[in-house]
């Protein structure tokens, strides 16, 4: 079961259509618009809604947020972004964005303790 707790949020403008991208990692481009996070890269937050391109939305940057899983993740595992902003178990050399608060299979929505302010690569 996915849950969230004490989220700190910010408002963003969707630089792409996020209609099918709720609970995914995003970054902010040089124009100040949100884009889906690239694999292994840093993130600014996790989408909490699903705006169309050019509309505003909210993203969580701290707390325990729901996130879409891109594969099997064990409880307590460090997570990173994968293709299209989904979470996967972190691998060496990639930026850790949080810690899983439950196990997950591909396409599950599961809780992640976000750690976006202290980017560190898994070694």
Protein backbone atom coordinates (compact mmCIF):
# COMPACT_ATOMS: atom_id res chain seq x y z
CA UNK A 1 0.00 0.00 0.00
CA UNK A 2 1.33 3.43 -0.93
CA UNK A 3 1.05 6.37 1.42
CA UNK A 4 2.55 9.80 1.83
CA UNK A 5 3.54 11.84 4.86
CA UNK A 6 4.36 15.50 5.55
CA UNK A 7 5.15 16.55 2.00
CA UNK A 8 6.80 19.86 1.26
CA UNK A 9 5.76 21.02 -2.20
CA UNK A 10 6.40 23.62 -4.88
CA UNK A 11 4.45 24.73 -7.93
CA UNK A 12 5.85 24.14 -11.41
CA UNK A 13 4.89 24.70 -15.07
CA UNK A 14 4.78 21.49 -17.09
CA UNK A 15 7.25 21.66 -19.99
CA UNK A 16 5.62 18.54 -21.46
CA UNK A 17 2.28 16.76 -21.21
CA UNK A 18 2.26 15.07 -17.78
CA UNK A 19 -1.23 13.59 -18.21
CA UNK A 20 0.10 10.06 -17.56
CA UNK A 21 3.04 11.00 -15.32
CA UNK A 22 1.72 11.49 -11.79
CA UNK A 23 4.17 10.39 -9.04
CA UNK A 24 7.31 10.55 -11.21
CA UNK A 25 10.63 12.35 -10.69
CA UNK A 26 11.03 15.68 -12.47
CA UNK A 27 13.76 18.21 -13.07
CA UNK A 28 13.57 21.87 -14.10
CA UNK A 29 14.97 22.93 -17.48
CA UNK A 30 16.79 26.18 -18.36
CA UNK A 31 13.43 27.84 -19.15
CA UNK A 32 12.11 27.04 -15.66
CA UNK A 33 9.72 24.34 -16.89
CA UNK A 34 9.42 20.86 -15.41
CA UNK A 35 10.55 17.86 -17.45
CA UNK A 36 10.67 14.16 -16.58
CA UNK A 37 13.94 13.25 -14.90
CA UNK A 38 16.55 11.39 -16.94
CA UNK A 39 17.95 8.06 -15.77
CA UNK A 40 20.47 8.35 -12.93
CA UNK A 41 20.27 12.14 -12.74
CA UNK A 42 19.29 14.58 -9.98
CA UNK A 43 15.64 15.56 -9.49
CA UNK A 44 13.84 18.66 -8.24
CA UNK A 45 10.75 16.79 -7.06
CA UNK A 46 8.02 14.22 -7.65
CA UNK A 47 4.85 15.16 -9.54
CA UNK A 48 1.76 15.09 -7.33
CA UNK A 49 -0.70 15.65 -10.16
CA UNK A 50 -0.89 15.32 -13.95
CA UNK A 51 -1.07 18.70 -15.77
CA UNK A 52 -1.04 19.15 -19.53
CA UNK A 53 1.88 21.02 -21.13
CA UNK A 54 1.97 24.68 -20.05
CA UNK A 55 -0.29 24.16 -17.04
CA UNK A 56 0.84 24.42 -13.43
CA UNK A 57 1.22 21.46 -11.13
CA UNK A 58 2.63 20.58 -7.71
CA UNK A 59 5.74 18.56 -6.93
CA UNK A 60 6.98 17.21 -3.60
CA UNK A 61 10.64 17.79 -2.71
CA UNK A 62 10.69 16.55 0.90
CA UNK A 63 8.79 13.99 2.96
CA UNK A 64 7.44 10.56 2.02
CA UNK A 65 5.90 10.67 -1.46
CA UNK A 66 4.17 8.15 -3.66
CA UNK A 67 6.38 7.22 -6.65
CA UNK A 68 5.89 4.94 -9.66
CA UNK A 69 8.26 1.95 -9.72
CA UNK A 70 10.09 0.97 -12.89
CA UNK A 71 11.08 -2.46 -11.58
CA UNK A 72 11.46 -4.63 -8.51
CA UNK A 73 12.57 -2.63 -5.46
CA UNK A 74 13.17 -4.01 -1.97
CA UNK A 75 12.01 -2.29 1.22
CA UNK A 76 14.73 0.12 2.40
CA UNK A 77 16.61 0.17 -0.90
CA UNK A 78 18.07 3.43 -2.21
CA UNK A 79 16.25 4.56 -5.36
CA UNK A 80 17.22 6.55 -8.44
CA UNK A 81 15.36 7.87 -11.47
CA UNK A 82 15.07 5.73 -14.59
CA UNK A 83 13.57 6.38 -18.02
CA UNK A 84 10.50 8.65 -17.91
CA UNK A 85 11.08 9.60 -14.26
CA UNK A 86 10.10 6.28 -12.68
CA UNK A 87 12.05 4.92 -9.69
CA UNK A 88 14.33 1.90 -9.77
CA UNK A 89 16.80 0.44 -7.28
CA UNK A 90 19.89 2.67 -7.34
CA UNK A 91 23.01 1.36 -9.04
CA UNK A 92 26.65 2.39 -8.67
CA UNK A 93 27.49 5.83 -10.05
CA UNK A 94 23.91 7.12 -10.16
CA UNK A 95 22.33 9.79 -7.96
CA UNK A 96 20.25 8.46 -5.06
CA UNK A 97 16.95 10.34 -4.78
CA UNK A 98 15.47 8.57 -1.77
CA UNK A 99 14.82 5.36 0.12
CA UNK A 100 12.00 2.90 -0.50
CA UNK A 101 9.51 2.60 2.37
CA UNK A 102 8.03 -0.65 1.01
CA UNK A 103 8.77 -3.28 -1.58
CA UNK A 104 7.54 -2.67 -5.12
CA UNK A 105 7.16 -4.41 -8.47
CA UNK A 106 7.20 -2.71 -11.87
CA UNK A 107 4.43 -0.10 -12.26
CA UNK A 108 3.53 -0.17 -8.55
CA UNK A 109 2.96 3.12 -6.74
CA UNK A 110 5.00 2.90 -3.54
CA UNK A 111 6.24 5.27 -0.78
CA UNK A 112 9.71 6.85 -1.00
CA UNK A 113 11.44 8.97 1.64
CA UNK A 114 12.76 11.76 -0.58
CA UNK A 115 16.37 12.90 -0.30
CA UNK A 116 16.53 15.49 -3.07
CA UNK A 117 18.51 18.15 -1.20
CA UNK A 118 21.52 15.90 -0.52
CA UNK A 119 22.35 14.40 -3.89
CA UNK A 120 24.93 11.66 -3.65
CA UNK A 121 26.05 9.01 -6.08
CA UNK A 122 25.80 5.41 -4.98
CA UNK A 123 29.27 3.95 -4.57
